[in-house]
Each structure stands twice: as structure tokens, then as C-alpha cells.
Amino acid sequence: MDFEIILLAFIPLFVAFDPVGIIPMYLGLTSGITDHNKKKLVLNASLTAFIICVLFLFIGNAVMKFLGITVNDFRIAGGIILLIISISDLLFYESRIRDVKPEDIGIVPVGIPLIAGPAVLTTILISRDTFGFIITVFSLLLNLLIMYLCLANAFYIKKIMGEPGSKAFAKVASLFLAAIAVMMIRTGLINTLKM
């Protein structure tokens, strides 16, 4: 495996997962939960996210074919969704945190959609189409490992970065996500017009 190709597959997924950026939301969702239960929650959420991502990786194309959707349609739709999510993250992050009820945590919303959200699922399909299964699965596993380590050590990471640092990181990641979304829309439109 070429390191440059792995890096090209890894970076968009890393930006979509945004492991450090979701720490403030994760801590808000899990406040008042014991450390033992948090460890179980992070493991279950990570496994759920992995299963959903792998399922989407393997059956995403079949579902799209059944619905008559092309990869370019998915690129454009996914790009629009990513753009909305990134704009929402940039402008309304605090209200989103307050809207989630602590008693609703667990597999949903931590595993889905906090870890494996629309941004990640869209990026996985595009990555598989561009780099192939093996490299996409490798970058997915690497990103999920980073996500697991970040959430398992969320309290310490937030302490090191501080509240402003983690919020700033989340904003920068959202900005990159918006740029990736625009690129996906542009690529999808150009490819559709070429057909």
C-alpha cells in the first residue's frame, strides 16, 4: 500500500469523523455517567459505528443501484448534506449540544450519528469508489481507533486543549468539511455533465 494513497483516503475520513471536535458534545451527553459505564458506552458506540460503516461500504452500491441512484447523484446529495451539517456546526453548535437529552445516549446518538453520521457514510462511499475497499477499510479502522482513543480519554484531551481550544478545533474541522462538501458537489456535477 502506498503511503500517499492511504493518507489521501485517511484525511477526508478524519475530517468527517472529527474525533477531537465531538469531544465537547460527547462530554455533555455523558455528564453524570460513571467512568465504568462511559468505557462500555464508548466501546459499544465504536463497534456500532464500525458495523454501520462496513455494512454501508459493502451494500451501499447495491442499495443505490436498486434505487436507481448513481455515484454522482450520491456525491451531489452527500455534498449538500455535508455542507448543511458543516454550516450547522459552524453557526449553531451550542444549540445542537443542548437539544440532545442525556437519557437518550448509548448506541444512538453516540454511535449513530455522532460517530457514524451522514458525513462519514458519504465519505466512505466516495473513498471506496476512489481508492478501493482495502485502503478504505484500513483508513476506516485507523480513524475508528483514533475516535475510540479520543472518546475514552475525552476528559483529559479537553483539559489539555481547554474549552476554547476544542471548540476552535471543531470549527476548523467544520470548515474543512464544508470545503470537502463543495468539492464533492463540484465533482458530481462535472461528472454528470460529462455523461
N, C-alpha and C. Protein backbone atom coordinates (compact mmCIF):
# COMPACT_ATOMS: atom_id res chain seq x y z
N MET A 1 0.84 -1.20 0.00
CA MET A 1 0.00 0.00 0.00
C MET A 1 0.88 1.25 0.00
N ASP A 2 0.56 2.16 -0.89
CA ASP A 2 1.29 3.41 -1.00
C ASP A 2 0.85 4.36 0.12
N PHE A 3 1.84 4.92 0.86
CA PHE A 3 1.55 5.79 1.99
C PHE A 3 0.75 7.02 1.58
N GLU A 4 1.08 7.58 0.41
CA GLU A 4 0.38 8.79 -0.05
C GLU A 4 -1.10 8.51 -0.31
N ILE A 5 -1.41 7.36 -0.90
CA ILE A 5 -2.80 6.99 -1.18
C ILE A 5 -3.55 6.75 0.14
N ILE A 6 -2.90 6.08 1.10
CA ILE A 6 -3.51 5.86 2.42
C ILE A 6 -3.83 7.20 3.07
N LEU A 7 -2.89 8.15 2.98
CA LEU A 7 -3.08 9.47 3.56
C LEU A 7 -4.25 10.19 2.89
N LEU A 8 -4.34 10.08 1.56
CA LEU A 8 -5.43 10.72 0.82
C LEU A 8 -6.79 10.13 1.19
N ALA A 9 -6.82 8.84 1.52
CA ALA A 9 -8.06 8.20 1.96
C ALA A 9 -8.35 8.51 3.42
N PHE A 10 -7.28 8.63 4.22
CA PHE A 10 -7.41 8.84 5.66
C PHE A 10 -7.93 10.24 6.00
N ILE A 11 -7.38 11.27 5.37
CA ILE A 11 -7.67 12.66 5.75
C ILE A 11 -9.16 13.02 5.64
N PRO A 12 -9.83 12.76 4.49
CA PRO A 12 -11.26 13.12 4.44
C PRO A 12 -12.09 12.40 5.50
N LEU A 13 -11.75 11.13 5.78
CA LEU A 13 -12.48 10.40 6.83
C LEU A 13 -12.20 11.00 8.21
N PHE A 14 -10.95 11.39 8.43
CA PHE A 14 -10.59 12.01 9.72
C PHE A 14 -11.37 13.29 9.93
N VAL A 15 -11.46 14.10 8.87
CA VAL A 15 -12.21 15.36 8.94
C VAL A 15 -13.69 15.06 9.17
N ALA A 16 -14.23 14.04 8.48
CA ALA A 16 -15.65 13.69 8.63
C ALA A 16 -15.94 13.16 10.04
N PHE A 17 -15.05 12.31 10.58
CA PHE A 17 -15.23 11.80 11.94
C PHE A 17 -15.08 12.90 12.97
N ASP A 18 -14.11 13.79 12.77
CA ASP A 18 -13.84 14.92 13.67
C ASP A 18 -13.75 14.46 15.13
N PRO A 19 -12.79 13.55 15.45
CA PRO A 19 -12.74 12.97 16.80
C PRO A 19 -12.56 13.97 17.93
N VAL A 20 -11.70 14.98 17.73
CA VAL A 20 -11.49 15.97 18.80
C VAL A 20 -12.66 16.94 18.85
N GLY A 21 -13.23 17.26 17.70
CA GLY A 21 -14.32 18.22 17.64
C GLY A 21 -15.60 17.78 18.33
N ILE A 22 -15.81 16.44 18.40
CA ILE A 22 -17.05 15.97 19.05
C ILE A 22 -16.89 15.76 20.55
N ILE A 23 -15.68 15.95 21.06
CA ILE A 23 -15.45 15.74 22.50
C ILE A 23 -16.36 16.61 23.37
N PRO A 24 -16.50 17.92 23.10
CA PRO A 24 -17.40 18.72 23.95
C PRO A 24 -18.83 18.18 23.96
N MET A 25 -19.35 17.76 22.78
CA MET A 25 -20.70 17.21 22.71
C MET A 25 -20.79 15.88 23.46
N TYR A 26 -19.77 15.04 23.28
CA TYR A 26 -19.73 13.75 23.96
C TYR A 26 -19.72 13.93 25.48
N LEU A 27 -18.90 14.87 25.97
CA LEU A 27 -18.83 15.11 27.41
C LEU A 27 -20.16 15.64 27.94
N GLY A 28 -20.81 16.49 27.14
CA GLY A 28 -22.12 16.99 27.53
C GLY A 28 -23.16 15.87 27.62
N LEU A 29 -23.10 14.95 26.68
CA LEU A 29 -24.05 13.83 26.65
C LEU A 29 -23.82 12.86 27.80
N THR A 30 -22.56 12.69 28.21
CA THR A 30 -22.24 11.66 29.20
C THR A 30 -22.00 12.22 30.60
N SER A 31 -22.31 13.50 30.80
CA SER A 31 -22.11 14.05 32.15
C SER A 31 -23.04 13.35 33.13
N GLY A 32 -22.52 12.99 34.28
CA GLY A 32 -23.31 12.29 35.29
C GLY A 32 -23.27 10.78 35.15
N ILE A 33 -22.57 10.27 34.14
CA ILE A 33 -22.45 8.82 33.95
C ILE A 33 -21.13 8.36 34.57
N THR A 34 -21.13 7.21 35.21
CA THR A 34 -19.90 6.72 35.86
C THR A 34 -18.84 6.37 34.81
N ASP A 35 -17.56 6.41 35.23
CA ASP A 35 -16.45 6.11 34.32
C ASP A 35 -16.56 4.70 33.73
N HIS A 36 -16.99 3.74 34.56
CA HIS A 36 -17.15 2.36 34.11
C HIS A 36 -18.18 2.28 32.97
N ASN A 37 -19.32 2.96 33.16
CA ASN A 37 -20.36 2.95 32.13
C ASN A 37 -19.93 3.72 30.88
N LYS A 38 -19.11 4.77 31.06
CA LYS A 38 -18.60 5.52 29.91
C LYS A 38 -17.71 4.64 29.05
N LYS A 39 -16.88 3.81 29.69
CA LYS A 39 -15.99 2.91 28.94
C LYS A 39 -16.81 1.92 28.11
N LYS A 40 -17.86 1.36 28.71
CA LYS A 40 -18.73 0.43 27.99
C LYS A 40 -19.45 1.16 26.85
N LEU A 41 -19.90 2.37 27.14
CA LEU A 41 -20.62 3.17 26.15
C LEU A 41 -19.74 3.46 24.93
N VAL A 42 -18.48 3.86 25.18
CA VAL A 42 -17.55 4.18 24.09
C VAL A 42 -17.25 2.94 23.25
N LEU A 43 -17.06 1.80 23.91
CA LEU A 43 -16.79 0.55 23.18
C LEU A 43 -17.99 0.16 22.32
N ASN A 44 -19.20 0.19 22.91
CA ASN A 44 -20.42 -0.16 22.17
C ASN A 44 -20.66 0.80 21.01
N ALA A 45 -20.45 2.09 21.26
CA ALA A 45 -20.67 3.10 20.22
C ALA A 45 -19.69 2.91 19.08
N SER A 46 -18.42 2.62 19.40
CA SER A 46 -17.39 2.41 18.37
C SER A 46 -17.69 1.17 17.55
N LEU A 47 -18.10 0.07 18.21
CA LEU A 47 -18.44 -1.16 17.49
C LEU A 47 -19.67 -0.95 16.59
N THR A 48 -20.65 -0.22 17.10
CA THR A 48 -21.85 0.08 16.30
C THR A 48 -21.48 0.88 15.07
N ALA A 49 -20.66 1.92 15.27
CA ALA A 49 -20.23 2.77 14.15
C ALA A 49 -19.47 1.93 13.12
N PHE A 50 -18.61 1.04 13.60
CA PHE A 50 -17.84 0.18 12.68
C PHE A 50 -18.77 -0.71 11.85
N ILE A 51 -19.74 -1.36 12.51
CA ILE A 51 -20.67 -2.25 11.81
C ILE A 51 -21.47 -1.48 10.76
N ILE A 52 -21.99 -0.31 11.14
CA ILE A 52 -22.78 0.50 10.21
C ILE A 52 -21.92 0.93 9.02
N CYS A 53 -20.70 1.37 9.29
CA CYS A 53 -19.80 1.82 8.22
C CYS A 53 -19.44 0.68 7.26
N VAL A 54 -19.14 -0.50 7.82
CA VAL A 54 -18.77 -1.64 6.97
C VAL A 54 -19.98 -2.11 6.15
N LEU A 55 -21.15 -2.16 6.78
CA LEU A 55 -22.36 -2.52 6.04
C LEU A 55 -22.61 -1.56 4.89
N PHE A 56 -22.49 -0.27 5.19
CA PHE A 56 -22.70 0.75 4.16
C PHE A 56 -21.65 0.64 3.06
N LEU A 57 -20.44 0.30 3.46
CA LEU A 57 -19.34 0.13 2.49
C LEU A 57 -19.65 -0.99 1.50
N PHE A 58 -20.22 -2.10 2.01
CA PHE A 58 -20.46 -3.26 1.16
C PHE A 58 -21.83 -3.26 0.45
N ILE A 59 -22.87 -2.75 1.13
CA ILE A 59 -24.18 -2.80 0.48
C ILE A 59 -24.65 -1.44 -0.03
N GLY A 60 -23.87 -0.41 0.20
CA GLY A 60 -24.23 0.93 -0.26
C GLY A 60 -24.50 0.98 -1.75
N ASN A 61 -23.62 0.34 -2.54
CA ASN A 61 -23.78 0.33 -4.00
C ASN A 61 -25.03 -0.41 -4.43
N ALA A 62 -25.30 -1.56 -3.79
CA ALA A 62 -26.49 -2.35 -4.13
C ALA A 62 -27.76 -1.56 -3.86
N VAL A 63 -27.79 -0.89 -2.73
CA VAL A 63 -28.96 -0.07 -2.38
C VAL A 63 -29.12 1.05 -3.39
N MET A 64 -27.99 1.70 -3.75
CA MET A 64 -28.04 2.79 -4.72
C MET A 64 -28.53 2.29 -6.08
N LYS A 65 -28.04 1.11 -6.49
CA LYS A 65 -28.45 0.54 -7.78
C LYS A 65 -29.95 0.22 -7.76
N PHE A 66 -30.42 -0.35 -6.66
CA PHE A 66 -31.84 -0.68 -6.51
C PHE A 66 -32.71 0.57 -6.62
N LEU A 67 -32.23 1.67 -6.04
CA LEU A 67 -32.99 2.92 -6.07
C LEU A 67 -32.76 3.74 -7.34
N GLY A 68 -31.84 3.26 -8.20
CA GLY A 68 -31.55 3.98 -9.44
C GLY A 68 -30.71 5.22 -9.24
N ILE A 69 -29.88 5.20 -8.20
CA ILE A 69 -29.03 6.35 -7.87
C ILE A 69 -27.61 6.07 -8.37
N THR A 70 -26.99 7.05 -9.01
CA THR A 70 -25.61 6.89 -9.44
C THR A 70 -24.67 7.41 -8.35
N VAL A 71 -23.38 7.09 -8.49
CA VAL A 71 -22.38 7.59 -7.54
C VAL A 71 -22.35 9.11 -7.57
N ASN A 72 -22.53 9.69 -8.76
CA ASN A 72 -22.52 11.15 -8.87
C ASN A 72 -23.73 11.79 -8.19
N ASP A 73 -24.90 11.12 -8.28
CA ASP A 73 -26.08 11.60 -7.55
C ASP A 73 -25.79 11.61 -6.05
N PHE A 74 -25.15 10.51 -5.59
CA PHE A 74 -24.83 10.39 -4.18
C PHE A 74 -23.79 11.43 -3.76
N ARG A 75 -22.82 11.69 -4.67
CA ARG A 75 -21.82 12.72 -4.39
C ARG A 75 -22.49 14.08 -4.19
N ILE A 76 -23.40 14.43 -5.10
CA ILE A 76 -24.06 15.74 -5.03
C ILE A 76 -24.93 15.82 -3.78
N ALA A 77 -25.79 14.80 -3.57
CA ALA A 77 -26.66 14.79 -2.39
C ALA A 77 -25.85 14.77 -1.10
N GLY A 78 -24.83 13.90 -1.07
CA GLY A 78 -23.96 13.81 0.12
C GLY A 78 -23.23 15.12 0.36
N GLY A 79 -22.77 15.74 -0.72
CA GLY A 79 -22.08 17.03 -0.61
C GLY A 79 -22.99 18.10 -0.03
N ILE A 80 -24.25 18.12 -0.49
CA ILE A 80 -25.22 19.10 0.03
C ILE A 80 -25.47 18.86 1.52
N ILE A 81 -25.64 17.57 1.90
CA ILE A 81 -25.86 17.23 3.31
C ILE A 81 -24.65 17.63 4.16
N LEU A 82 -23.45 17.29 3.65
CA LEU A 82 -22.22 17.66 4.38
C LEU A 82 -22.11 19.17 4.54
N LEU A 83 -22.49 19.90 3.49
CA LEU A 83 -22.43 21.37 3.54
C LEU A 83 -23.39 21.90 4.60
N ILE A 84 -24.60 21.34 4.64
CA ILE A 84 -25.58 21.77 5.65
C ILE A 84 -25.07 21.44 7.06
N ILE A 85 -24.52 20.21 7.22
CA ILE A 85 -24.00 19.80 8.53
C ILE A 85 -22.86 20.72 8.97
N SER A 86 -21.95 21.02 8.03
CA SER A 86 -20.80 21.86 8.39
C SER A 86 -21.24 23.29 8.72
N ILE A 87 -22.21 23.81 7.96
CA ILE A 87 -22.72 25.16 8.25
C ILE A 87 -23.42 25.17 9.60
N SER A 88 -24.20 24.10 9.86
CA SER A 88 -24.87 23.97 11.16
C SER A 88 -23.85 23.91 12.30
N ASP A 89 -22.77 23.14 12.09
CA ASP A 89 -21.70 23.05 13.10
C ASP A 89 -21.04 24.41 13.33
N LEU A 90 -20.82 25.13 12.24
CA LEU A 90 -20.14 26.43 12.34
C LEU A 90 -21.01 27.48 13.02
N LEU A 91 -22.33 27.46 12.75
CA LEU A 91 -23.20 28.53 13.23
C LEU A 91 -24.03 28.19 14.46
N PHE A 92 -24.42 26.91 14.58
CA PHE A 92 -25.39 26.57 15.64
C PHE A 92 -24.92 25.43 16.53
N TYR A 93 -23.62 25.27 16.76
CA TYR A 93 -23.06 24.15 17.50
C TYR A 93 -23.62 24.06 18.92
N GLU A 94 -23.65 25.19 19.63
CA GLU A 94 -24.08 25.19 21.03
C GLU A 94 -25.52 24.72 21.18
N SER A 95 -26.44 25.20 20.30
CA SER A 95 -27.84 24.81 20.42
C SER A 95 -28.01 23.32 20.13
N ARG A 96 -27.19 22.76 19.25
CA ARG A 96 -27.26 21.33 18.96
C ARG A 96 -26.89 20.52 20.19
N ILE A 97 -25.89 20.98 20.93
CA ILE A 97 -25.48 20.26 22.14
C ILE A 97 -26.62 20.24 23.16
N ARG A 98 -27.29 21.39 23.35
CA ARG A 98 -28.35 21.48 24.34
C ARG A 98 -29.59 20.68 23.94
N ASP A 99 -29.81 20.44 22.64
CA ASP A 99 -31.01 19.75 22.18
C ASP A 99 -30.97 18.24 22.45
N VAL A 100 -29.79 17.68 22.70
CA VAL A 100 -29.68 16.23 22.93
C VAL A 100 -29.92 15.92 24.39
N LYS A 101 -30.86 15.00 24.67
CA LYS A 101 -31.19 14.65 26.05
C LYS A 101 -30.22 13.60 26.57
N PRO A 102 -29.65 13.81 27.77
CA PRO A 102 -28.67 12.86 28.32
C PRO A 102 -29.20 11.43 28.43
N GLU A 103 -30.51 11.27 28.71
CA GLU A 103 -31.05 9.91 28.88
C GLU A 103 -31.17 9.15 27.55
N ASP A 104 -31.01 9.84 26.44
CA ASP A 104 -31.11 9.19 25.13
C ASP A 104 -29.78 8.64 24.60
N ILE A 105 -28.69 8.80 25.37
CA ILE A 105 -27.38 8.38 24.87
C ILE A 105 -27.25 6.88 24.83
N GLY A 106 -26.17 6.41 24.23
CA GLY A 106 -25.91 4.99 24.06
C GLY A 106 -25.50 4.76 22.62
N ILE A 107 -26.06 3.73 22.05
CA ILE A 107 -25.75 3.43 20.65
C ILE A 107 -26.20 4.60 19.78
N VAL A 108 -27.39 5.13 20.11
CA VAL A 108 -27.89 6.35 19.46
C VAL A 108 -28.01 7.38 20.57
N PRO A 109 -27.45 8.56 20.49
CA PRO A 109 -26.83 9.19 19.33
C PRO A 109 -25.31 9.11 19.27
N VAL A 110 -24.65 8.45 20.24
CA VAL A 110 -23.18 8.46 20.21
C VAL A 110 -22.64 7.64 19.04
N GLY A 111 -23.08 6.37 18.92
CA GLY A 111 -22.61 5.52 17.81
C GLY A 111 -23.08 6.04 16.47
N ILE A 112 -24.39 6.32 16.40
CA ILE A 112 -25.02 6.88 15.21
C ILE A 112 -25.90 8.01 15.71
N PRO A 113 -25.82 9.21 15.27
CA PRO A 113 -25.00 9.71 14.18
C PRO A 113 -23.74 10.47 14.63
N LEU A 114 -23.45 10.49 15.95
CA LEU A 114 -22.29 11.28 16.40
C LEU A 114 -20.99 10.76 15.80
N ILE A 115 -20.78 9.43 15.82
CA ILE A 115 -19.56 8.87 15.22
C ILE A 115 -19.80 8.57 13.74
N ALA A 116 -20.79 7.71 13.45
CA ALA A 116 -21.06 7.34 12.05
C ALA A 116 -22.27 8.12 11.54
N GLY A 117 -22.03 9.37 11.21
CA GLY A 117 -23.09 10.23 10.69
C GLY A 117 -23.08 10.28 9.17
N PRO A 118 -23.93 11.11 8.59
CA PRO A 118 -24.01 11.23 7.13
C PRO A 118 -22.67 11.60 6.49
N ALA A 119 -21.90 12.45 7.17
CA ALA A 119 -20.61 12.88 6.62
C ALA A 119 -19.69 11.68 6.44
N VAL A 120 -19.62 10.82 7.45
CA VAL A 120 -18.75 9.65 7.42
C VAL A 120 -19.22 8.65 6.36
N LEU A 121 -20.53 8.36 6.33
CA LEU A 121 -21.06 7.38 5.38
C LEU A 121 -20.86 7.83 3.94
N THR A 122 -21.08 9.11 3.69
CA THR A 122 -20.86 9.65 2.34
C THR A 122 -19.39 9.55 1.97
N THR A 123 -18.52 9.93 2.88
CA THR A 123 -17.08 9.91 2.62
C THR A 123 -16.59 8.49 2.37
N ILE A 124 -17.16 7.51 3.08
CA ILE A 124 -16.77 6.10 2.90
C ILE A 124 -17.08 5.64 1.47
N LEU A 125 -18.27 5.96 0.98
CA LEU A 125 -18.64 5.55 -0.39
C LEU A 125 -17.73 6.20 -1.42
N ILE A 126 -17.45 7.48 -1.23
CA ILE A 126 -16.58 8.19 -2.18
C ILE A 126 -15.16 7.61 -2.12
N SER A 127 -14.69 7.32 -0.90
CA SER A 127 -13.35 6.76 -0.72
C SER A 127 -13.25 5.39 -1.37
N ARG A 128 -14.28 4.56 -1.18
CA ARG A 128 -14.27 3.22 -1.78
C ARG A 128 -14.24 3.32 -3.30
N ASP A 129 -15.00 4.28 -3.84
CA ASP A 129 -15.05 4.48 -5.28
C ASP A 129 -13.71 4.97 -5.82
N THR A 130 -13.00 5.78 -5.03
CA THR A 130 -11.74 6.38 -5.46
C THR A 130 -10.53 5.50 -5.18
N PHE A 131 -10.47 4.90 -3.97
CA PHE A 131 -9.26 4.19 -3.53
C PHE A 131 -9.42 2.68 -3.41
N GLY A 132 -10.64 2.16 -3.47
CA GLY A 132 -10.86 0.73 -3.35
C GLY A 132 -11.20 0.30 -1.93
N PHE A 133 -11.60 -0.96 -1.78
CA PHE A 133 -12.07 -1.50 -0.50
C PHE A 133 -10.98 -1.55 0.56
N ILE A 134 -9.83 -2.12 0.21
CA ILE A 134 -8.79 -2.39 1.21
C ILE A 134 -8.30 -1.09 1.86
N ILE A 135 -7.98 -0.10 1.05
CA ILE A 135 -7.47 1.17 1.59
C ILE A 135 -8.56 1.88 2.39
N THR A 136 -9.81 1.81 1.90
CA THR A 136 -10.92 2.45 2.63
C THR A 136 -11.15 1.79 3.98
N VAL A 137 -11.14 0.45 4.01
CA VAL A 137 -11.32 -0.27 5.28
C VAL A 137 -10.17 0.02 6.23
N PHE A 138 -8.95 0.08 5.70
CA PHE A 138 -7.79 0.39 6.54
C PHE A 138 -7.91 1.78 7.15
N SER A 139 -8.26 2.79 6.31
CA SER A 139 -8.40 4.15 6.86
C SER A 139 -9.59 4.26 7.80
N LEU A 140 -10.64 3.48 7.54
CA LEU A 140 -11.80 3.45 8.44
C LEU A 140 -11.39 2.91 9.81
N LEU A 141 -10.67 1.77 9.83
CA LEU A 141 -10.22 1.18 11.09
C LEU A 141 -9.30 2.12 11.86
N LEU A 142 -8.40 2.77 11.13
CA LEU A 142 -7.47 3.72 11.76
C LEU A 142 -8.22 4.89 12.38
N ASN A 143 -9.19 5.42 11.65
CA ASN A 143 -9.99 6.53 12.15
C ASN A 143 -10.85 6.13 13.34
N LEU A 144 -11.43 4.92 13.30
CA LEU A 144 -12.24 4.46 14.42
C LEU A 144 -11.39 4.22 15.66
N LEU A 145 -10.15 3.76 15.47
CA LEU A 145 -9.24 3.59 16.60
C LEU A 145 -8.93 4.95 17.23
N ILE A 146 -8.66 5.96 16.39
CA ILE A 146 -8.40 7.31 16.88
C ILE A 146 -9.64 7.84 17.61
N MET A 147 -10.82 7.60 17.02
CA MET A 147 -12.08 8.05 17.64
C MET A 147 -12.26 7.40 19.01
N TYR A 148 -12.02 6.09 19.08
CA TYR A 148 -12.15 5.37 20.35
C TYR A 148 -11.21 5.94 21.41
N LEU A 149 -9.95 6.15 21.02
CA LEU A 149 -8.96 6.69 21.97
C LEU A 149 -9.33 8.10 22.43
N CYS A 150 -9.83 8.91 21.49
CA CYS A 150 -10.23 10.29 21.84
C CYS A 150 -11.40 10.29 22.82
N LEU A 151 -12.43 9.47 22.55
CA LEU A 151 -13.60 9.45 23.42
C LEU A 151 -13.28 8.80 24.77
N ALA A 152 -12.44 7.76 24.75
CA ALA A 152 -12.06 7.09 26.00
C ALA A 152 -11.25 8.02 26.90
N ASN A 153 -10.54 8.97 26.27
CA ASN A 153 -9.71 9.93 27.03
C ASN A 153 -10.21 11.36 26.86
N ALA A 154 -11.52 11.50 26.61
CA ALA A 154 -12.11 12.80 26.30
C ALA A 154 -11.86 13.84 27.38
N PHE A 155 -11.98 13.43 28.64
CA PHE A 155 -11.82 14.39 29.74
C PHE A 155 -10.41 14.99 29.75
N TYR A 156 -9.40 14.13 29.52
CA TYR A 156 -8.01 14.60 29.55
C TYR A 156 -7.69 15.47 28.34
N ILE A 157 -8.22 15.07 27.18
CA ILE A 157 -7.98 15.86 25.96
C ILE A 157 -8.57 17.25 26.10
N LYS A 158 -9.80 17.30 26.64
CA LYS A 158 -10.45 18.61 26.82
C LYS A 158 -9.68 19.45 27.83
N LYS A 159 -9.13 18.80 28.86
CA LYS A 159 -8.35 19.51 29.87
C LYS A 159 -7.09 20.12 29.25
N ILE A 160 -6.43 19.35 28.37
CA ILE A 160 -5.21 19.83 27.71
C ILE A 160 -5.52 20.96 26.74
N MET A 161 -6.54 20.76 25.89
CA MET A 161 -6.89 21.76 24.88
C MET A 161 -7.65 22.94 25.47
N GLY A 162 -8.37 22.67 26.53
CA GLY A 162 -9.24 23.70 27.10
C GLY A 162 -10.51 23.81 26.27
N GLU A 163 -11.52 24.43 26.86
CA GLU A 163 -12.81 24.63 26.17
C GLU A 163 -12.65 25.41 24.87
N PRO A 164 -11.92 26.55 24.89
CA PRO A 164 -11.77 27.32 23.63
C PRO A 164 -11.00 26.54 22.57
N GLY A 165 -9.98 25.78 22.98
CA GLY A 165 -9.17 25.01 22.02
C GLY A 165 -9.97 23.94 21.32
N SER A 166 -10.79 23.18 22.09
CA SER A 166 -11.59 22.11 21.48
C SER A 166 -12.68 22.69 20.58
N LYS A 167 -13.24 23.85 20.97
CA LYS A 167 -14.25 24.50 20.13
C LYS A 167 -13.62 25.02 18.84
N ALA A 168 -12.42 25.59 18.96
CA ALA A 168 -11.72 26.12 17.78
C ALA A 168 -11.40 24.97 16.81
N PHE A 169 -10.95 23.84 17.35
CA PHE A 169 -10.64 22.67 16.51
C PHE A 169 -11.90 22.20 15.78
N ALA A 170 -13.04 22.18 16.50
CA ALA A 170 -14.31 21.76 15.90
C ALA A 170 -14.70 22.69 14.76
N LYS A 171 -14.48 24.00 14.94
CA LYS A 171 -14.83 24.98 13.89
C LYS A 171 -13.94 24.79 12.66
N VAL A 172 -12.64 24.57 12.87
CA VAL A 172 -11.72 24.37 11.75
C VAL A 172 -12.09 23.09 10.99
N ALA A 173 -12.41 22.02 11.73
CA ALA A 173 -12.82 20.75 11.10
C ALA A 173 -14.10 20.94 10.29
N SER A 174 -15.04 21.75 10.82
CA SER A 174 -16.28 22.03 10.09
C SER A 174 -16.02 22.81 8.82
N LEU A 175 -15.05 23.71 8.87
CA LEU A 175 -14.68 24.49 7.69
C LEU A 175 -14.10 23.58 6.60
N PHE A 176 -13.23 22.66 7.01
CA PHE A 176 -12.67 21.68 6.06
C PHE A 176 -13.78 20.78 5.51
N LEU A 177 -14.72 20.41 6.36
CA LEU A 177 -15.84 19.58 5.93
C LEU A 177 -16.67 20.31 4.87
N ALA A 178 -16.87 21.62 5.07
CA ALA A 178 -17.59 22.43 4.08
C ALA A 178 -16.85 22.44 2.75
N ALA A 179 -15.52 22.58 2.80
CA ALA A 179 -14.71 22.59 1.57
C ALA A 179 -14.79 21.24 0.86
N ILE A 180 -14.74 20.15 1.62
CA ILE A 180 -14.87 18.81 1.03
C ILE A 180 -16.25 18.64 0.41
N ALA A 181 -17.28 19.18 1.08
CA ALA A 181 -18.65 19.11 0.56
C ALA A 181 -18.76 19.82 -0.78
N VAL A 182 -18.19 21.01 -0.88
CA VAL A 182 -18.21 21.78 -2.13
C VAL A 182 -17.48 21.01 -3.23
N MET A 183 -16.35 20.39 -2.89
CA MET A 183 -15.58 19.60 -3.86
C MET A 183 -16.41 18.42 -4.35
N MET A 184 -17.14 17.74 -3.43
CA MET A 184 -17.98 16.61 -3.81
C MET A 184 -19.10 17.04 -4.75
N ILE A 185 -19.75 18.17 -4.45
CA ILE A 185 -20.82 18.69 -5.31
C ILE A 185 -20.26 19.02 -6.69
N ARG A 186 -19.10 19.71 -6.70
CA ARG A 186 -18.47 20.11 -7.98
C ARG A 186 -18.12 18.87 -8.81
N THR A 187 -17.49 17.87 -8.18
CA THR A 187 -17.10 16.65 -8.89
C THR A 187 -18.33 15.92 -9.43
N GLY A 188 -19.37 15.81 -8.60
CA GLY A 188 -20.60 15.15 -9.03
C GLY A 188 -21.25 15.85 -10.21
N LEU A 189 -21.30 17.17 -10.17
CA LEU A 189 -21.90 17.94 -11.28
C LEU A 189 -21.08 17.81 -12.56
N ILE A 190 -19.75 17.91 -12.43
CA ILE A 190 -18.87 17.81 -13.62
C ILE A 190 -19.01 16.43 -14.25
N ASN A 191 -18.99 15.37 -13.43
CA ASN A 191 -19.13 14.00 -13.95
C ASN A 191 -20.49 13.75 -14.58
N THR A 192 -21.54 14.33 -13.99
CA THR A 192 -22.88 14.18 -14.55
C THR A 192 -23.00 14.88 -15.89
N LEU A 193 -22.42 16.07 -15.99
CA LEU A 193 -22.48 16.83 -17.24
C LEU A 193 -21.67 16.15 -18.36
N LYS A 194 -20.65 15.40 -17.98
CA LYS A 194 -19.82 14.69 -18.98
C LYS A 194 -20.55 13.51 -19.59
N MET A 195 -21.54 12.96 -18.87
CA MET A 195 -22.26 11.74 -19.31
C MET A 195 -23.14 12.03 -20.52
